[in-house]
Amino acid sequence: MSIRPLSDKIVIKVIEDTEQTSGGIFIPDSAKEKPQKGEVVAVGPGKTLDDGKREEMEVKVGETVLFAKYAGTDVKMGEETFKIMSVKDILGVLE
């Protein structure tokens, strides 16, 4: 199964950093900050402007992006977690 985003929406595969203390204790997900980094796996065609043209998307599939802490909607497919969000929630592209 796959997700095809519409309009100016994108699908991001969340990159979760596993945290371990210097003593070897793993920090549980419930105690960590929400992840804010992910890989773009699908991009919509772009927002339709008032004149009928499409706005070009600023991100591409395969790029690693930073996004707002509580942005988007979480979607779990199998064992992987994805977020569907508007491109305006993207803060930047990691290069």
PDB file of N, CA and C in Angstrom:
ATOM      1  N   MET A   1       0.848  -1.178   0.000  1.00  0.00           N
ATOM      2  CA  MET A   1       0.000   0.000   0.000  1.00  0.00           C
ATOM      3  C   MET A   1       0.894   1.242   0.000  1.00  0.00           C
ATOM      4  N   SER A   2       0.471   2.267  -0.710  1.00  0.00           N
ATOM      5  CA  SER A   2       1.225   3.512  -0.747  1.00  0.00           C
ATOM      6  C   SER A   2       0.269   4.693  -0.602  1.00  0.00           C
ATOM      7  N   ILE A   3       0.846   5.851  -0.330  1.00  0.00           N
ATOM      8  CA  ILE A   3       0.050   7.072  -0.149  1.00  0.00           C
ATOM      9  C   ILE A   3       0.411   8.036  -1.263  1.00  0.00           C
ATOM     10  N   ARG A   4      -0.598   8.588  -1.932  1.00  0.00           N
ATOM     11  CA  ARG A   4      -0.386   9.615  -2.953  1.00  0.00           C
ATOM     12  C   ARG A   4      -0.940  10.917  -2.394  1.00  0.00           C
ATOM     13  N   PRO A   5      -0.061  11.849  -2.012  1.00  0.00           N
ATOM     14  CA  PRO A   5      -0.538  13.107  -1.437  1.00  0.00           C
ATOM     15  C   PRO A   5      -1.196  13.999  -2.490  1.00  0.00           C
ATOM     16  N   LEU A   6      -2.136  14.796  -2.060  1.00  0.00           N
ATOM     17  CA  LEU A   6      -2.855  15.713  -2.928  1.00  0.00           C
ATOM     18  C   LEU A   6      -2.381  17.139  -2.700  1.00  0.00           C
ATOM     19  N   SER A   7      -2.606  17.996  -3.673  1.00  0.00           N
ATOM     20  CA  SER A   7      -2.345  19.433  -3.589  1.00  0.00           C
ATOM     21  C   SER A   7      -0.923  19.719  -3.112  1.00  0.00           C
ATOM     22  N   ASP A   8      -0.785  20.519  -2.045  1.00  0.00           N
ATOM     23  CA  ASP A   8       0.537  20.901  -1.557  1.00  0.00           C
ATOM     24  C   ASP A   8       0.982  20.047  -0.374  1.00  0.00           C
ATOM     25  N   LYS A   9       0.471  18.831  -0.283  1.00  0.00           N
ATOM     26  CA  LYS A   9       0.819  17.934   0.825  1.00  0.00           C
ATOM     27  C   LYS A   9       2.013  17.070   0.457  1.00  0.00           C
ATOM     28  N   ILE A  10       2.759  16.656   1.490  1.00  0.00           N
ATOM     29  CA  ILE A  10       3.883  15.747   1.309  1.00  0.00           C
ATOM     30  C   ILE A  10       3.798  14.636   2.346  1.00  0.00           C
ATOM     31  N   VAL A  11       4.421  13.504   2.049  1.00  0.00           N
ATOM     32  CA  VAL A  11       4.493  12.383   2.980  1.00  0.00           C
ATOM     33  C   VAL A  11       5.948  12.250   3.405  1.00  0.00           C
ATOM     34  N   ILE A  12       6.149  12.181   4.717  1.00  0.00           N
ATOM     35  CA  ILE A  12       7.496  12.109   5.280  1.00  0.00           C
ATOM     36  C   ILE A  12       7.623  10.844   6.112  1.00  0.00           C
ATOM     37  N   LYS A  13       8.714  10.110   5.898  1.00  0.00           N
ATOM     38  CA  LYS A  13       9.044   8.976   6.751  1.00  0.00           C
ATOM     39  C   LYS A  13       9.833   9.544   7.923  1.00  0.00           C
ATOM     40  N   VAL A  14       9.283   9.430   9.105  1.00  0.00           N
ATOM     41  CA  VAL A  14       9.893  10.017  10.297  1.00  0.00           C
ATOM     42  C   VAL A  14      11.194   9.293  10.624  1.00  0.00           C
ATOM     43  N   ILE A  15      12.240  10.071  10.864  1.00  0.00           N
ATOM     44  CA  ILE A  15      13.531   9.529  11.285  1.00  0.00           C
ATOM     45  C   ILE A  15      13.621   9.705  12.788  1.00  0.00           C
ATOM     46  N   GLU A  16      13.574   8.573  13.493  1.00  0.00           N
ATOM     47  CA  GLU A  16      13.638   8.625  14.949  1.00  0.00           C
ATOM     48  C   GLU A  16      15.039   8.282  15.396  1.00  0.00           C
ATOM     49  N   ASP A  17      15.645   9.188  16.124  1.00  0.00           N
ATOM     50  CA  ASP A  17      16.981   8.952  16.669  1.00  0.00           C
ATOM     51  C   ASP A  17      16.840   8.130  17.944  1.00  0.00           C
ATOM     52  N   THR A  18      17.552   7.009  18.014  1.00  0.00           N
ATOM     53  CA  THR A  18      17.522   6.220  19.237  1.00  0.00           C
ATOM     54  C   THR A  18      18.494   6.856  20.214  1.00  0.00           C
ATOM     55  N   GLU A  19      17.999   7.180  21.375  1.00  0.00           N
ATOM     56  CA  GLU A  19      18.835   7.854  22.368  1.00  0.00           C
ATOM     57  C   GLU A  19      19.224   6.874  23.465  1.00  0.00           C
ATOM     58  N   GLN A  20      20.500   6.955  23.837  1.00  0.00           N
ATOM     59  CA  GLN A  20      21.030   6.120  24.891  1.00  0.00           C
ATOM     60  C   GLN A  20      21.915   7.001  25.762  1.00  0.00           C
ATOM     61  N   THR A  21      21.764   6.860  27.067  1.00  0.00           N
ATOM     62  CA  THR A  21      22.588   7.656  27.974  1.00  0.00           C
ATOM     63  C   THR A  21      24.004   7.103  27.997  1.00  0.00           C
ATOM     64  N   SER A  22      24.920   7.851  28.606  1.00  0.00           N
ATOM     65  CA  SER A  22      26.306   7.389  28.690  1.00  0.00           C
ATOM     66  C   SER A  22      26.421   6.114  29.517  1.00  0.00           C
ATOM     67  N   GLY A  23      25.445   5.847  30.393  1.00  0.00           N
ATOM     68  CA  GLY A  23      25.434   4.629  31.201  1.00  0.00           C
ATOM     69  C   GLY A  23      24.824   3.440  30.487  1.00  0.00           C
ATOM     70  N   GLY A  24      24.351   3.643  29.250  1.00  0.00           N
ATOM     71  CA  GLY A  24      23.815   2.534  28.468  1.00  0.00           C
ATOM     72  C   GLY A  24      22.306   2.366  28.559  1.00  0.00           C
ATOM     73  N   ILE A  25      21.620   3.301  29.217  1.00  0.00           N
ATOM     74  CA  ILE A  25      20.163   3.210  29.362  1.00  0.00           C
ATOM     75  C   ILE A  25      19.505   3.847  28.150  1.00  0.00           C
ATOM     76  N   PHE A  26      18.565   3.121  27.542  1.00  0.00           N
ATOM     77  CA  PHE A  26      17.821   3.662  26.415  1.00  0.00           C
ATOM     78  C   PHE A  26      16.663   4.506  26.927  1.00  0.00           C
ATOM     79  N   ILE A  27      16.475   5.668  26.332  1.00  0.00           N
ATOM     80  CA  ILE A  27      15.395   6.570  26.725  1.00  0.00           C
ATOM     81  C   ILE A  27      14.142   6.158  25.961  1.00  0.00           C
ATOM     82  N   PRO A  28      13.029   5.862  26.662  1.00  0.00           N
ATOM     83  CA  PRO A  28      11.806   5.430  25.972  1.00  0.00           C
ATOM     84  C   PRO A  28      11.194   6.551  25.146  1.00  0.00           C
ATOM     85  N   ASP A  29      10.421   6.157  24.111  1.00  0.00           N
ATOM     86  CA  ASP A  29       9.789   7.133  23.227  1.00  0.00           C
ATOM     87  C   ASP A  29       8.919   8.122  23.986  1.00  0.00           C
ATOM     88  N   SER A  30       8.265   7.671  25.040  1.00  0.00           N
ATOM     89  CA  SER A  30       7.359   8.541  25.785  1.00  0.00           C
ATOM     90  C   SER A  30       8.095   9.671  26.504  1.00  0.00           C
ATOM     91  N   ALA A  31       9.396   9.505  26.737  1.00  0.00           N
ATOM     92  CA  ALA A  31      10.171  10.516  27.456  1.00  0.00           C
ATOM     93  C   ALA A  31      10.953  11.434  26.527  1.00  0.00           C
ATOM     94  N   LYS A  32      10.908  11.137  25.223  1.00  0.00           N
ATOM     95  CA  LYS A  32      11.689  11.920  24.276  1.00  0.00           C
ATOM     96  C   LYS A  32      10.840  13.010  23.637  1.00  0.00           C
ATOM     97  N   GLU A  33      11.538  13.995  23.078  1.00  0.00           N
ATOM     98  CA  GLU A  33      10.883  15.026  22.279  1.00  0.00           C
ATOM     99  C   GLU A  33      10.346  14.366  21.011  1.00  0.00           C
ATOM    100  N   LYS A  34       9.315  14.960  20.435  1.00  0.00           N
ATOM    101  CA  LYS A  34       8.797  14.448  19.169  1.00  0.00           C
ATOM    102  C   LYS A  34       9.847  14.623  18.082  1.00  0.00           C
ATOM    103  N   PRO A  35      10.004  13.630  17.191  1.00  0.00           N
ATOM    104  CA  PRO A  35      10.990  13.782  16.117  1.00  0.00           C
ATOM    105  C   PRO A  35      10.610  14.930  15.190  1.00  0.00           C
ATOM    106  N   GLN A  36      11.609  15.606  14.687  1.00  0.00           N
ATOM    107  CA  GLN A  36      11.376  16.746  13.820  1.00  0.00           C
ATOM    108  C   GLN A  36      12.162  16.630  12.529  1.00  0.00           C
ATOM    109  N   LYS A  37      12.589  15.410  12.207  1.00  0.00           N
ATOM    110  CA  LYS A  37      13.382  15.191  11.013  1.00  0.00           C
ATOM    111  C   LYS A  37      12.802  14.000  10.270  1.00  0.00           C
ATOM    112  N   GLY A  38      12.811  14.080   8.946  1.00  0.00           N
ATOM    113  CA  GLY A  38      12.293  12.965   8.176  1.00  0.00           C
ATOM    114  C   GLY A  38      12.718  13.025   6.724  1.00  0.00           C
ATOM    115  N   GLU A  39      12.474  11.911   6.028  1.00  0.00           N
ATOM    116  CA  GLU A  39      12.795  11.810   4.610  1.00  0.00           C
ATOM    117  C   GLU A  39      11.514  11.921   3.805  1.00  0.00           C
ATOM    118  N   VAL A  40      11.521  12.758   2.794  1.00  0.00           N
ATOM    119  CA  VAL A  40      10.360  12.946   1.932  1.00  0.00           C
ATOM    120  C   VAL A  40      10.217  11.700   1.060  1.00  0.00           C
ATOM    121  N   VAL A  41       9.060  11.020   1.141  1.00  0.00           N
ATOM    122  CA  VAL A  41       8.831   9.817   0.346  1.00  0.00           C
ATOM    123  C   VAL A  41       7.804  10.024  -0.760  1.00  0.00           C
ATOM    124  N   ALA A  42       6.995  11.079  -0.666  1.00  0.00           N
ATOM    125  CA  ALA A  42       6.021  11.378  -1.714  1.00  0.00           C
ATOM    126  C   ALA A  42       5.679  12.862  -1.658  1.00  0.00           C
ATOM    127  N   VAL A  43       5.434  13.430  -2.835  1.00  0.00           N
ATOM    128  CA  VAL A  43       5.132  14.860  -2.954  1.00  0.00           C
ATOM    129  C   VAL A  43       3.899  15.019  -3.833  1.00  0.00           C
ATOM    130  N   GLY A  44       2.968  15.870  -3.394  1.00  0.00           N
ATOM    131  CA  GLY A  44       1.788  16.165  -4.198  1.00  0.00           C
ATOM    132  C   GLY A  44       2.145  17.018  -5.400  1.00  0.00           C
ATOM    133  N   PRO A  45       1.182  17.258  -6.282  1.00  0.00           N
ATOM    134  CA  PRO A  45       1.448  18.022  -7.499  1.00  0.00           C
ATOM    135  C   PRO A  45       1.642  19.517  -7.273  1.00  0.00           C
ATOM    136  N   GLY A  46       1.280  20.026  -6.117  1.00  0.00           N
ATOM    137  CA  GLY A  46       1.402  21.457  -5.836  1.00  0.00           C
ATOM    138  C   GLY A  46       0.036  22.096  -5.704  1.00  0.00           C
ATOM    139  N   LYS A  47       0.014  23.222  -5.027  1.00  0.00           N
ATOM    140  CA  LYS A  47      -1.231  23.952  -4.778  1.00  0.00           C
ATOM    141  C   LYS A  47      -1.720  24.620  -6.067  1.00  0.00           C
ATOM    142  N   THR A  48      -3.029  24.563  -6.303  1.00  0.00           N
ATOM    143  CA  THR A  48      -3.610  25.238  -7.454  1.00  0.00           C
ATOM    144  C   THR A  48      -3.825  26.703  -7.105  1.00  0.00           C
ATOM    145  N   LEU A  49      -3.243  27.582  -7.906  1.00  0.00           N
ATOM    146  CA  LEU A  49      -3.360  29.017  -7.678  1.00  0.00           C
ATOM    147  C   LEU A  49      -4.664  29.547  -8.261  1.00  0.00           C
ATOM    148  N   ASP A  50      -5.005  30.787  -7.946  1.00  0.00           N
ATOM    149  CA  ASP A  50      -6.255  31.392  -8.415  1.00  0.00           C
ATOM    150  C   ASP A  50      -6.357  31.448  -9.938  1.00  0.00           C
ATOM    151  N   ASP A  51      -5.211  31.545 -10.612  1.00  0.00           N
ATOM    152  CA  ASP A  51      -5.240  31.614 -12.075  1.00  0.00           C
ATOM    153  C   ASP A  51      -5.262  30.236 -12.742  1.00  0.00           C
ATOM    154  N   GLY A  52      -5.350  29.163 -11.932  1.00  0.00           N
ATOM    155  CA  GLY A  52      -5.441  27.806 -12.457  1.00  0.00           C
ATOM    156  C   GLY A  52      -4.110  27.096 -12.613  1.00  0.00           C
ATOM    157  N   LYS A  53      -3.005  27.807 -12.443  1.00  0.00           N
ATOM    158  CA  LYS A  53      -1.680  27.197 -12.557  1.00  0.00           C
ATOM    159  C   LYS A  53      -1.315  26.507 -11.246  1.00  0.00           C
ATOM    160  N   ARG A  54      -0.347  25.613 -11.314  1.00  0.00           N
ATOM    161  CA  ARG A  54       0.128  24.906 -10.123  1.00  0.00           C
ATOM    162  C   ARG A  54       1.384  25.568  -9.587  1.00  0.00           C
ATOM    163  N   GLU A  55       1.424  25.728  -8.254  1.00  0.00           N
ATOM    164  CA  GLU A  55       2.619  26.244  -7.590  1.00  0.00           C
ATOM    165  C   GLU A  55       3.638  25.104  -7.513  1.00  0.00           C
ATOM    166  N   GLU A  56       4.861  25.374  -7.876  1.00  0.00           N
ATOM    167  CA  GLU A  56       5.902  24.345  -7.860  1.00  0.00           C
ATOM    168  C   GLU A  56       6.250  23.970  -6.417  1.00  0.00           C
ATOM    169  N   MET A  57       6.441  22.674  -6.164  1.00  0.00           N
ATOM    170  CA  MET A  57       6.800  22.205  -4.833  1.00  0.00           C
ATOM    171  C   MET A  57       8.276  22.507  -4.568  1.00  0.00           C
ATOM    172  N   GLU A  58       8.582  22.914  -3.337  1.00  0.00           N
ATOM    173  CA  GLU A  58       9.945  23.297  -2.977  1.00  0.00           C
ATOM    174  C   GLU A  58      10.793  22.128  -2.504  1.00  0.00           C
ATOM    175  N   VAL A  59      10.179  20.980  -2.242  1.00  0.00           N
ATOM    176  CA  VAL A  59      10.925  19.802  -1.790  1.00  0.00           C
ATOM    177  C   VAL A  59      10.748  18.680  -2.799  1.00  0.00           C
ATOM    178  N   LYS A  60      11.712  17.752  -2.781  1.00  0.00           N
ATOM    179  CA  LYS A  60      11.696  16.625  -3.700  1.00  0.00           C
ATOM    180  C   LYS A  60      11.779  15.321  -2.915  1.00  0.00           C
ATOM    181  N   VAL A  61      11.322  14.252  -3.522  1.00  0.00           N
ATOM    182  CA  VAL A  61      11.419  12.925  -2.918  1.00  0.00           C
ATOM    183  C   VAL A  61      12.888  12.612  -2.673  1.00  0.00           C
ATOM    184  N   GLY A  62      13.172  12.071  -1.480  1.00  0.00           N
ATOM    185  CA  GLY A  62      14.534  11.691  -1.120  1.00  0.00           C
ATOM    186  C   GLY A  62      15.260  12.703  -0.261  1.00  0.00           C
ATOM    187  N   GLU A  63      14.747  13.929  -0.181  1.00  0.00           N
ATOM    188  CA  GLU A  63      15.401  14.945   0.641  1.00  0.00           C
ATOM    189  C   GLU A  63      15.079  14.722   2.116  1.00  0.00           C
ATOM    190  N   THR A  64      16.016  15.088   2.976  1.00  0.00           N
ATOM    191  CA  THR A  64      15.804  15.036   4.423  1.00  0.00           C
ATOM    192  C   THR A  64      15.432  16.440   4.867  1.00  0.00           C
ATOM    193  N   VAL A  65      14.312  16.533   5.586  1.00  0.00           N
ATOM    194  CA  VAL A  65      13.791  17.845   5.964  1.00  0.00           C
ATOM    195  C   VAL A  65      13.577  17.944   7.470  1.00  0.00           C
ATOM    196  N   LEU A  66      13.550  19.182   7.945  1.00  0.00           N
ATOM    197  CA  LEU A  66      13.168  19.491   9.321  1.00  0.00           C
ATOM    198  C   LEU A  66      11.771  20.072   9.271  1.00  0.00           C
ATOM    199  N   PHE A  67      10.927  19.673  10.221  1.00  0.00           N
ATOM    200  CA  PHE A  67       9.559  20.170  10.226  1.00  0.00           C
ATOM    201  C   PHE A  67       9.152  20.619  11.614  1.00  0.00           C
ATOM    202  N   ALA A  68       8.092  21.402  11.683  1.00  0.00           N
ATOM    203  CA  ALA A  68       7.594  21.926  12.955  1.00  0.00           C
ATOM    204  C   ALA A  68       7.233  20.782  13.896  1.00  0.00           C
ATOM    205  N   LYS A  69       7.451  20.986  15.176  1.00  0.00           N
ATOM    206  CA  LYS A  69       7.313  19.937  16.186  1.00  0.00           C
ATOM    207  C   LYS A  69       5.965  19.207  16.145  1.00  0.00           C
ATOM    208  N   TYR A  70       4.871  19.911  16.051  1.00  0.00           N
ATOM    209  CA  TYR A  70       3.562  19.264  16.091  1.00  0.00           C
ATOM    210  C   TYR A  70       2.859  19.308  14.741  1.00  0.00           C
ATOM    211  N   ALA A  71       3.624  19.411  13.661  1.00  0.00           N
ATOM    212  CA  ALA A  71       3.064  19.526  12.313  1.00  0.00           C
ATOM    213  C   ALA A  71       2.549  18.185  11.812  1.00  0.00           C
ATOM    214  N   GLY A  72       1.570  18.250  10.943  1.00  0.00           N
ATOM    215  CA  GLY A  72       1.111  17.082  10.214  1.00  0.00           C
ATOM    216  C   GLY A  72       0.276  16.098  11.001  1.00  0.00           C
ATOM    217  N   THR A  73      -0.092  15.057  10.295  1.00  0.00           N
ATOM    218  CA  THR A  73      -0.901  13.972  10.845  1.00  0.00           C
ATOM    219  C   THR A  73      -0.083  12.693  10.803  1.00  0.00           C
ATOM    220  N   ASP A  74       0.011  12.000  11.933  1.00  0.00           N
ATOM    221  CA  ASP A  74       0.752  10.744  11.995  1.00  0.00           C
ATOM    222  C   ASP A  74      -0.050   9.628  11.344  1.00  0.00           C
ATOM    223  N   VAL A  75       0.628   8.827  10.531  1.00  0.00           N
ATOM    224  CA  VAL A  75       0.018   7.676   9.878  1.00  0.00           C
ATOM    225  C   VAL A  75       0.963   6.501  10.055  1.00  0.00           C
ATOM    226  N   LYS A  76       0.454   5.393  10.571  1.00  0.00           N
ATOM    227  CA  LYS A  76       1.283   4.209  10.763  1.00  0.00           C
ATOM    228  C   LYS A  76       0.890   3.183   9.711  1.00  0.00           C
ATOM    229  N   MET A  77       1.865   2.756   8.924  1.00  0.00           N
ATOM    230  CA  MET A  77       1.648   1.736   7.901  1.00  0.00           C
ATOM    231  C   MET A  77       2.647   0.621   8.168  1.00  0.00           C
ATOM    232  N   GLY A  78       2.141  -0.506   8.631  1.00  0.00           N
ATOM    233  CA  GLY A  78       3.039  -1.598   9.011  1.00  0.00           C
ATOM    234  C   GLY A  78       3.840  -1.192  10.229  1.00  0.00           C
ATOM    235  N   GLU A  79       5.140  -1.299  10.125  1.00  0.00           N
ATOM    236  CA  GLU A  79       6.030  -0.942  11.234  1.00  0.00           C
ATOM    237  C   GLU A  79       6.555   0.483  11.131  1.00  0.00           C
ATOM    238  N   GLU A  80       6.264   1.162  10.028  1.00  0.00           N
ATOM    239  CA  GLU A  80       6.820   2.489   9.810  1.00  0.00           C
ATOM    240  C   GLU A  80       5.819   3.588  10.126  1.00  0.00           C
ATOM    241  N   THR A  81       6.346   4.714  10.608  1.00  0.00           N
ATOM    242  CA  THR A  81       5.525   5.878  10.911  1.00  0.00           C
ATOM    243  C   THR A  81       5.784   6.951   9.871  1.00  0.00           C
ATOM    244  N   PHE A  82       4.708   7.490   9.331  1.00  0.00           N
ATOM    245  CA  PHE A  82       4.789   8.562   8.346  1.00  0.00           C
ATOM    246  C   PHE A  82       4.022   9.765   8.863  1.00  0.00           C
ATOM    247  N   LYS A  83       4.314  10.921   8.308  1.00  0.00           N
ATOM    248  CA  LYS A  83       3.554  12.135   8.582  1.00  0.00           C
ATOM    249  C   LYS A  83       3.097  12.688   7.243  1.00  0.00           C
ATOM    250  N   ILE A  84       1.852  13.120   7.205  1.00  0.00           N
ATOM    251  CA  ILE A  84       1.340  13.828   6.043  1.00  0.00           C
ATOM    252  C   ILE A  84       1.152  15.266   6.486  1.00  0.00           C
ATOM    253  N   MET A  85       1.774  16.189   5.752  1.00  0.00           N
ATOM    254  CA  MET A  85       1.707  17.592   6.140  1.00  0.00           C
ATOM    255  C   MET A  85       1.780  18.488   4.918  1.00  0.00           C
ATOM    256  N   SER A  86       1.451  19.726   5.138  1.00  0.00           N
ATOM    257  CA  SER A  86       1.543  20.731   4.093  1.00  0.00           C
ATOM    258  C   SER A  86       3.004  21.143   3.949  1.00  0.00           C
ATOM    259  N   VAL A  87       3.390  21.509   2.748  1.00  0.00           N
ATOM    260  CA  VAL A  87       4.770  21.916   2.509  1.00  0.00           C
ATOM    261  C   VAL A  87       5.129  23.156   3.329  1.00  0.00           C
ATOM    262  N   LYS A  88       4.152  23.960   3.728  1.00  0.00           N
ATOM    263  CA  LYS A  88       4.441  25.158   4.525  1.00  0.00           C
ATOM    264  C   LYS A  88       4.918  24.813   5.940  1.00  0.00           C
ATOM    265  N   ASP A  89       4.707  23.550   6.385  1.00  0.00           N
ATOM    266  CA  ASP A  89       5.174  23.123   7.696  1.00  0.00           C
ATOM    267  C   ASP A  89       6.641  22.703   7.690  1.00  0.00           C
ATOM    268  N   ILE A  90       7.248  22.653   6.516  1.00  0.00           N
ATOM    269  CA  ILE A  90       8.662  22.314   6.400  1.00  0.00           C
ATOM    270  C   ILE A  90       9.490  23.552   6.743  1.00  0.00           C
ATOM    271  N   LEU A  91      10.431  23.378   7.671  1.00  0.00           N
ATOM    272  CA  LEU A  91      11.263  24.495   8.113  1.00  0.00           C
ATOM    273  C   LEU A  91      12.524  24.622   7.263  1.00  0.00           C
ATOM    274  N   GLY A  92      13.025  23.512   6.757  1.00  0.00           N
ATOM    275  CA  GLY A  92      14.228  23.556   5.941  1.00  0.00           C
ATOM    276  C   GLY A  92      14.622  22.192   5.439  1.00  0.00           C
ATOM    277  N   VAL A  93      15.541  22.186   4.470  1.00  0.00           N
ATOM    278  CA  VAL A  93      16.057  20.948   3.884  1.00  0.00           C
ATOM    279  C   VAL A  93      17.490  20.778   4.343  1.00  0.00           C
ATOM    280  N   LEU A  94      17.813  19.589   4.863  1.00  0.00           N
ATOM    281  CA  LEU A  94      19.181  19.301   5.304  1.00  0.00           C
ATOM    282  C   LEU A  94      20.025  18.929   4.089  1.00  0.00           C
ATOM    283  N   GLU A  95      21.156  19.567   3.954  1.00  0.00           N
ATOM    284  CA  GLU A  95      22.038  19.306   2.801  1.00  0.00           C
ATOM    285  C   GLU A  95      23.367  18.782   3.258  1.00  0.00           C
TER     286      GLU A  95
END
